[in-house]
């Protein structure tokens, strides 16, 4: 007898429930800066990726409204009739900002990474990745059919050994620039040098670095002093520091031309709404021009880390807006998250399989829209909520 697929899925959900790992969807009914309303309560959010506080900026809203006068949806894929002036202008701005010849828009970061890997990799190729890479990089390599090799987090020597195991294979080495759950920065200079030695193509997913790192927010790659030649494939998203939605891939004209021909997640997808592209272009300009947002964010990061150390809170080492507080047990992480909510804070518990077993945490994120007092009050609430004793 065949397995009932829906029944199997239901059993899996039941198992997650029993393990205390079931995910639940909550609806935000209103947002005002970092304050949100959920389930009838007003909460101060410390789990948003709106690192520069641009998501509700009036300039972005005005740009979107004005562009929407010409219609909402693009109506088609880019290659049919969906590519509008707003898309082209945004691509040009993103390429210039990141020091690249060209850029190409995708609907989401997930689709961008799947499209890049499907276009670049074949079945006899090898893809070497950090074990803590985002799921879409891992899925991209697997769907492309390449051999996927994963090295221990940030271990350049291990990455070198894995490349050496397939010396004749075409190779792509892919890493997050800023790791989404740990908040640390990849050893980009060392990985770039490795790729040069091994003739491997280097790809960086800078979803959490763009807008935050670099003198003008160019991201982790330029902040590390690396060029398009060092990192031929750059992906970044538009829904985090830029406060909008979507993603792009940037690199040489040859790379972008190749993706237009071969990246299925680009070719067969409706283009993002032109009004959203217009709003994103406004966000790019603000992110470049208003360096005080990055200065303020980094000051808040330093304040949070200093306060956490003074209170003995188990923060993981991270210099970025992502500040993971390691609690270990999934049940404990959920209980602390609920205790914080009772005190008026929204901080989501991150549990397996998003993070490894025994590594459950609070993923605390800071924004330029937070105030110093917000950070101090969160630190005090964390001190009250976290159980005493070693993690």
Protein backbone atom coordinates (compact mmCIF):
# COMPACT_ATOMS: atom_id res chain seq x y z
CA UNK A 1 0.00 0.00 0.00
CA UNK A 2 1.24 3.49 -0.82
CA UNK A 3 2.17 5.90 1.94
CA UNK A 4 -0.37 8.66 2.48
CA UNK A 5 1.75 11.79 2.04
CA UNK A 6 -0.55 14.12 3.97
CA UNK A 7 -0.72 11.66 6.85
CA UNK A 8 3.07 11.42 6.91
CA UNK A 9 3.32 15.21 6.99
CA UNK A 10 0.82 15.35 9.85
CA UNK A 11 2.87 12.81 11.81
CA UNK A 12 5.97 14.94 11.32
CA UNK A 13 4.12 17.99 12.63
CA UNK A 14 2.94 15.98 15.64
CA UNK A 15 6.52 14.90 16.35
CA UNK A 16 7.67 18.52 16.27
CA UNK A 17 4.88 19.43 18.67
CA UNK A 18 5.93 16.71 21.10
CA UNK A 19 9.56 17.84 20.91
CA UNK A 20 8.61 21.46 21.62
CA UNK A 21 9.77 22.51 18.15
CA UNK A 22 6.52 23.31 16.39
CA UNK A 23 6.58 26.59 14.50
CA UNK A 24 3.58 28.91 14.87
CA UNK A 25 2.46 31.83 12.77
CA UNK A 26 1.62 35.10 14.52
CA UNK A 27 0.08 38.14 12.84
CA UNK A 28 1.44 41.64 13.36
CA UNK A 29 -1.54 43.98 13.15
CA UNK A 30 0.36 47.28 13.26
CA UNK A 31 3.96 48.47 13.18
CA UNK A 32 5.36 51.80 14.33
CA UNK A 33 9.12 51.79 14.02
CA UNK A 34 10.40 49.01 16.25
CA UNK A 35 7.06 48.83 18.09
CA UNK A 36 4.57 46.24 16.87
CA UNK A 37 1.11 45.10 17.90
CA UNK A 38 0.54 41.36 18.10
CA UNK A 39 -2.27 39.43 19.76
CA UNK A 40 -3.60 42.70 21.16
CA UNK A 41 -0.30 43.63 22.83
CA UNK A 42 2.16 46.41 22.02
CA UNK A 43 5.69 44.96 21.94
CA UNK A 44 9.15 46.39 21.32
CA UNK A 45 10.70 44.23 18.61
CA UNK A 46 14.27 43.02 18.83
CA UNK A 47 13.94 40.38 16.10
CA UNK A 48 13.53 42.44 12.92
CA UNK A 49 16.13 42.57 10.13
CA UNK A 50 15.32 46.26 9.52
CA UNK A 51 18.87 47.13 10.57
CA UNK A 52 18.89 50.75 9.36
CA UNK A 53 15.30 51.56 10.30
CA UNK A 54 14.28 52.22 6.69
CA UNK A 55 11.23 49.97 6.30
CA UNK A 56 8.78 52.73 7.26
CA UNK A 57 10.80 55.71 6.09
CA UNK A 58 8.51 58.34 4.47
CA UNK A 59 10.83 58.71 1.47
CA UNK A 60 10.40 55.02 0.63
CA UNK A 61 6.65 55.20 1.15
CA UNK A 62 6.35 58.26 -1.08
CA UNK A 63 8.47 56.63 -3.80
CA UNK A 64 6.31 53.50 -3.74
CA UNK A 65 3.05 55.46 -3.80
CA UNK A 66 4.17 57.69 -6.65
CA UNK A 67 5.39 54.76 -8.77
CA UNK A 68 2.20 52.80 -8.04
CA UNK A 69 0.22 55.44 -9.92
CA UNK A 70 1.42 53.62 -13.05
CA UNK A 71 0.16 50.27 -11.73
CA UNK A 72 1.03 47.72 -9.09
CA UNK A 73 2.19 44.47 -10.68
CA UNK A 74 4.76 44.17 -13.45
CA UNK A 75 2.44 41.78 -15.28
CA UNK A 76 5.13 39.52 -16.65
CA UNK A 77 8.59 38.06 -16.30
CA UNK A 78 11.51 40.39 -16.92
CA UNK A 79 12.25 38.80 -20.30
CA UNK A 80 8.69 39.18 -21.59
CA UNK A 81 7.38 42.64 -20.73
CA UNK A 82 7.95 42.96 -17.00
CA UNK A 83 11.29 44.79 -16.99
CA UNK A 84 10.55 48.47 -16.33
CA UNK A 85 12.55 51.65 -15.97
CA UNK A 86 12.46 51.33 -12.18
CA UNK A 87 14.03 47.87 -12.35
CA UNK A 88 16.81 49.04 -14.66
CA UNK A 89 17.58 52.07 -12.49
CA UNK A 90 17.75 49.92 -9.35
CA UNK A 91 20.06 47.38 -10.99
CA UNK A 92 22.42 50.15 -12.10
CA UNK A 93 22.48 51.65 -8.61
CA UNK A 94 23.14 48.30 -6.94
CA UNK A 95 25.98 47.49 -9.33
CA UNK A 96 27.64 50.86 -8.73
CA UNK A 97 27.19 50.61 -4.94
CA UNK A 98 28.81 47.18 -4.73
CA UNK A 99 31.58 47.93 -7.22
CA UNK A 100 30.34 45.57 -9.92
CA UNK A 101 29.80 45.79 -13.64
CA UNK A 102 26.16 44.76 -13.54
CA UNK A 103 23.40 43.53 -11.25
CA UNK A 104 20.29 41.41 -11.79
CA UNK A 105 17.12 41.51 -9.70
CA UNK A 106 15.42 38.41 -8.29
CA UNK A 107 12.13 38.11 -6.42
CA UNK A 108 13.75 36.72 -3.24
CA UNK A 109 17.18 35.82 -1.95
CA UNK A 110 16.18 32.16 -1.93
CA UNK A 111 15.36 32.31 -5.63
CA UNK A 112 18.55 34.22 -6.38
CA UNK A 113 20.78 31.58 -4.78
CA UNK A 114 18.89 28.70 -6.37
CA UNK A 115 19.11 30.41 -9.75
CA UNK A 116 22.83 31.14 -9.52
CA UNK A 117 23.76 27.61 -8.52
CA UNK A 118 21.49 25.98 -11.07
CA UNK A 119 23.08 28.17 -13.76
CA UNK A 120 26.70 27.64 -12.67
CA UNK A 121 26.85 24.06 -11.42
CA UNK A 122 26.55 20.71 -13.15
CA UNK A 123 26.46 17.16 -11.83
CA UNK A 124 30.21 16.50 -11.98
CA UNK A 125 31.05 19.77 -10.20
CA UNK A 126 31.77 20.30 -6.51
CA UNK A 127 30.30 22.97 -4.25
CA UNK A 128 32.13 23.65 -0.98
CA UNK A 129 30.18 25.48 1.71
CA UNK A 130 30.38 26.58 5.32
CA UNK A 131 28.21 24.36 7.52
CA UNK A 132 26.34 27.39 8.84
CA UNK A 133 25.39 28.76 5.43
CA UNK A 134 21.79 29.76 4.88
CA UNK A 135 19.46 26.97 3.76
CA UNK A 136 19.04 28.42 0.26
CA UNK A 137 22.75 28.03 -0.51
CA UNK A 138 22.64 24.41 0.60
CA UNK A 139 19.43 23.74 -1.31
CA UNK A 140 20.83 25.44 -4.39
CA UNK A 141 23.81 23.10 -4.58
CA UNK A 142 21.68 20.04 -3.96
CA UNK A 143 19.10 20.99 -6.59
CA UNK A 144 21.86 21.67 -9.11
CA UNK A 145 23.05 18.09 -8.62
CA UNK A 146 26.64 19.03 -7.73
CA UNK A 147 28.59 17.25 -5.02
CA UNK A 148 28.07 19.27 -1.84
CA UNK A 149 30.90 19.37 0.68
CA UNK A 150 30.42 21.31 3.93
CA UNK A 151 33.33 22.44 6.07
CA UNK A 152 33.24 23.26 9.81
CA UNK A 153 32.23 26.85 10.44
CA UNK A 154 34.82 29.40 9.25
CA UNK A 155 37.51 26.70 8.95
CA UNK A 156 39.53 27.77 5.90
CA UNK A 157 41.95 24.85 6.22
CA UNK A 158 39.05 22.39 6.13
CA UNK A 159 37.66 24.14 3.06
CA UNK A 160 41.07 23.77 1.41
CA UNK A 161 41.14 20.04 2.16
CA UNK A 162 37.71 19.58 0.62
CA UNK A 163 38.68 21.41 -2.55
CA UNK A 164 41.88 19.34 -2.74
CA UNK A 165 39.82 16.14 -2.72
CA UNK A 166 38.40 17.07 -6.15
CA UNK A 167 41.35 18.82 -7.85
CA UNK A 168 40.04 18.37 -11.39
CA UNK A 169 36.40 19.27 -10.78
CA UNK A 170 34.90 22.65 -11.53
CA UNK A 171 34.37 24.18 -8.08
CA UNK A 172 32.25 26.83 -6.41
CA UNK A 173 32.99 27.91 -2.84
CA UNK A 174 30.00 29.66 -1.29
CA UNK A 175 29.66 31.35 2.08
CA UNK A 176 27.44 33.78 3.92
CA UNK A 177 29.18 37.12 4.41
CA UNK A 178 27.45 37.63 7.76
CA UNK A 179 25.98 34.45 9.21
CA UNK A 180 22.28 34.83 9.83
CA UNK A 181 22.06 32.92 13.12
CA UNK A 182 25.52 33.54 14.62
CA UNK A 183 26.08 37.11 13.42
CA UNK A 184 29.80 36.63 12.83
CA UNK A 185 31.60 37.54 9.60
CA UNK A 186 33.16 34.95 7.30
CA UNK A 187 36.96 34.96 6.85
CA UNK A 188 36.50 36.43 3.39
CA UNK A 189 40.09 37.42 2.65
CA UNK A 190 41.40 33.94 3.49
CA UNK A 191 38.65 32.23 1.51
CA UNK A 192 39.31 34.49 -1.49
CA UNK A 193 43.00 33.62 -1.37
CA UNK A 194 42.10 29.92 -1.20
CA UNK A 195 39.84 30.21 -4.24
CA UNK A 196 42.60 31.94 -6.20
CA UNK A 197 45.05 29.15 -5.37
CA UNK A 198 42.58 26.41 -6.24
CA UNK A 199 41.00 28.12 -9.29
CA UNK A 200 37.59 27.89 -7.62
CA UNK A 201 34.80 30.41 -8.14
CA UNK A 202 34.00 32.36 -4.96
CA UNK A 203 30.41 33.33 -4.11
CA UNK A 204 29.28 35.42 -1.13
CA UNK A 205 25.71 35.76 0.14
CA UNK A 206 25.75 39.19 1.77
CA UNK A 207 22.11 39.33 2.84
CA UNK A 208 23.01 40.57 6.33
CA UNK A 209 26.06 42.65 5.41
CA UNK A 210 24.71 44.97 2.73
CA UNK A 211 23.85 48.37 4.13
CA UNK A 212 25.42 47.56 7.51
CA UNK A 213 29.13 47.01 6.78
CA UNK A 214 31.46 49.25 4.82
CA UNK A 215 31.97 53.00 4.83
CA UNK A 216 28.86 53.59 2.71
CA UNK A 217 27.14 50.30 3.46
CA UNK A 218 28.66 48.45 0.50
CA UNK A 219 28.67 45.22 2.47
CA UNK A 220 31.09 42.65 3.82
CA UNK A 221 33.00 42.04 0.58
CA UNK A 222 34.15 45.61 -0.02
CA UNK A 223 34.58 46.07 3.73
CA UNK A 224 37.12 43.22 3.56
CA UNK A 225 38.95 45.01 0.74
CA UNK A 226 37.88 42.49 -1.90
CA UNK A 227 36.92 43.28 -5.48
CA UNK A 228 34.77 41.70 -8.17
CA UNK A 229 37.86 39.76 -9.29
CA UNK A 230 38.26 38.31 -5.79
CA UNK A 231 34.55 37.51 -5.35
CA UNK A 232 33.05 37.01 -8.82
CA UNK A 233 29.54 36.19 -7.54
CA UNK A 234 27.81 38.44 -5.01
CA UNK A 235 24.22 38.01 -3.83
CA UNK A 236 22.43 40.29 -1.40
CA UNK A 237 18.85 40.89 -0.36
CA UNK A 238 16.72 44.02 -0.36
CA UNK A 239 14.43 43.14 2.55
CA UNK A 240 16.82 43.57 5.47
CA UNK A 241 18.90 46.74 5.86
CA UNK A 242 17.11 48.31 2.88
CA UNK A 243 13.68 47.66 4.38
CA UNK A 244 12.01 46.48 1.16
CA UNK A 245 11.87 43.06 -0.51
CA UNK A 246 13.66 41.07 -3.18
CA UNK A 247 17.29 40.35 -3.99
CA UNK A 248 20.00 40.80 -6.57
CA UNK A 249 23.10 39.13 -7.94
CA UNK A 250 26.00 41.35 -8.97
CA UNK A 251 29.19 40.65 -10.89
CA UNK A 252 30.69 40.84 -14.32
CA UNK A 253 28.67 41.49 -17.44
CA UNK A 254 29.43 37.90 -18.49
CA UNK A 255 27.98 36.53 -15.24
CA UNK A 256 24.78 38.55 -15.54
CA UNK A 257 24.35 37.70 -19.23
CA UNK A 258 24.78 34.05 -18.33
CA UNK A 259 22.16 34.23 -15.59
CA UNK A 260 19.69 35.88 -17.95
CA UNK A 261 20.14 32.90 -20.26
CA UNK A 262 20.20 30.10 -17.70
CA UNK A 263 18.85 31.01 -14.24
CA UNK A 264 15.41 29.40 -14.22
CA UNK A 265 14.28 31.27 -11.10
CA UNK A 266 14.84 34.51 -13.03
CA UNK A 267 13.54 33.48 -16.43
CA UNK A 268 10.28 31.91 -15.30
CA UNK A 269 9.23 34.33 -12.52
CA UNK A 270 7.13 37.48 -12.65
CA UNK A 271 9.25 40.59 -12.08
CA UNK A 272 8.91 42.37 -8.75
CA UNK A 273 6.41 45.25 -8.74
CA UNK A 274 8.02 48.33 -10.32
CA UNK A 275 6.80 50.45 -7.42
CA UNK A 276 8.76 48.24 -5.04
CA UNK A 277 11.87 48.73 -7.18
CA UNK A 278 11.35 52.49 -6.98
CA UNK A 279 11.06 52.33 -3.19
CA UNK A 280 14.19 50.18 -3.00
CA UNK A 281 16.15 52.67 -5.09
CA UNK A 282 15.17 55.36 -2.57
CA UNK A 283 16.40 53.06 0.22
CA UNK A 284 19.75 52.53 -1.54
CA UNK A 285 20.28 56.27 -1.78
CA UNK A 286 19.41 56.78 1.89
CA UNK A 287 21.65 53.92 3.00
CA UNK A 288 24.56 55.42 1.10
CA UNK A 289 24.01 59.03 2.15
CA UNK A 290 22.99 58.66 5.80
CA UNK A 291 26.06 57.14 7.38
CA UNK A 292 24.76 58.18 10.79
CA UNK A 293 22.43 55.21 10.65
CA UNK A 294 25.36 52.79 10.60
CA UNK A 295 27.19 54.82 13.26
CA UNK A 296 24.13 54.70 15.50
CA UNK A 297 23.64 50.97 14.90
CA UNK A 298 27.24 50.14 15.76
CA UNK A 299 27.04 52.28 18.91
CA UNK A 300 23.96 50.35 20.01
CA UNK A 301 25.70 47.04 19.27
CA UNK A 302 28.63 48.09 21.48
CA UNK A 303 26.26 49.23 24.24
CA UNK A 304 24.35 45.95 24.14
CA UNK A 305 27.48 43.80 24.22
CA UNK A 306 29.02 45.80 27.07
CA UNK A 307 25.81 45.59 29.08
CA UNK A 308 25.46 41.87 28.42
CA UNK A 309 29.02 41.24 29.61
CA UNK A 310 28.39 43.23 32.78
CA UNK A 311 25.30 41.14 33.49
CA UNK A 312 26.95 37.81 32.65
CA UNK A 313 24.60 37.08 29.75
CA UNK A 314 25.80 34.28 27.43
CA UNK A 315 26.20 36.24 24.19
CA UNK A 316 27.94 34.61 21.26
CA UNK A 317 30.84 36.54 19.67
CA UNK A 318 29.34 38.80 16.99
CA UNK A 319 30.29 42.31 15.81
CA UNK A 320 27.10 42.79 13.79
CA UNK A 321 23.46 43.68 14.36
CA UNK A 322 22.71 39.99 14.95
CA UNK A 323 23.40 39.25 18.63
CA UNK A 324 22.68 35.61 19.48
CA UNK A 325 22.14 34.76 23.13
CA UNK A 326 22.90 31.07 23.51
CA UNK A 327 20.56 29.14 25.81
CA UNK A 328 21.16 25.58 24.60
CA UNK A 329 17.86 23.90 25.36
CA UNK A 330 14.92 24.59 23.02
CA UNK A 331 12.40 24.61 25.86
CA UNK A 332 14.48 27.13 27.81
CA UNK A 333 14.79 29.39 24.77
CA UNK A 334 11.02 29.33 24.29
CA UNK A 335 10.36 30.02 27.97
CA UNK A 336 12.73 33.00 27.99
CA UNK A 337 11.13 34.36 24.82
CA UNK A 338 7.70 34.10 26.46
CA UNK A 339 8.97 35.78 29.63
CA UNK A 340 10.30 38.68 27.57
CA UNK A 341 6.96 39.00 25.81
CA UNK A 342 5.24 39.35 29.17
CA UNK A 343 7.57 42.29 29.83
CA UNK A 344 6.74 43.89 26.47
CA UNK A 345 9.55 42.65 24.21
CA UNK A 346 9.33 40.58 21.03
CA UNK A 347 12.40 38.34 20.72
CA UNK A 348 11.93 35.06 18.87
CA UNK A 349 13.39 31.78 20.11
CA UNK A 350 15.44 30.03 17.42
CA UNK A 351 15.34 26.26 17.79
CA UNK A 352 16.46 23.18 15.82
CA UNK A 353 16.58 22.44 12.95
CA UNK A 354 17.26 26.12 12.17
CA UNK A 355 20.23 25.82 14.54
CA UNK A 356 22.00 22.62 15.67
CA UNK A 357 20.73 20.52 18.56
CA UNK A 358 21.80 22.01 21.87
CA UNK A 359 22.31 25.45 20.29
CA UNK A 360 18.85 26.99 20.76
CA UNK A 361 19.04 30.72 21.28
CA UNK A 362 17.43 34.10 21.23
CA UNK A 363 18.38 35.84 17.98
CA UNK A 364 18.43 39.43 19.17
CA UNK A 365 18.73 41.99 16.38
CA UNK A 366 19.45 45.67 16.79
CA UNK A 367 18.35 48.53 14.57
CA UNK A 368 19.26 52.17 14.11
CA UNK A 369 15.60 52.78 15.00
CA UNK A 370 16.17 51.58 18.58
CA UNK A 371 16.98 53.99 21.40
CA UNK A 372 19.69 53.57 24.04
CA UNK A 373 16.99 53.20 26.67
CA UNK A 374 15.39 50.38 24.65
CA UNK A 375 18.65 48.44 24.77
CA UNK A 376 19.11 49.01 28.49
CA UNK A 377 15.56 47.90 29.29
CA UNK A 378 16.00 44.75 27.20
CA UNK A 379 19.22 43.93 29.05
CA UNK A 380 17.48 44.28 32.40
CA UNK A 381 14.59 42.09 31.22
CA UNK A 382 17.03 39.45 29.98
CA UNK A 383 18.75 39.39 33.37
CA UNK A 384 15.41 38.65 35.01
CA UNK A 385 14.26 36.10 32.43
CA UNK A 386 17.32 33.91 32.00
CA UNK A 387 17.73 31.08 34.52
CA UNK A 388 20.79 31.25 36.75
CA UNK A 389 23.64 28.84 36.14
CA UNK A 390 25.82 27.79 33.21
CA UNK A 391 24.28 27.17 29.78
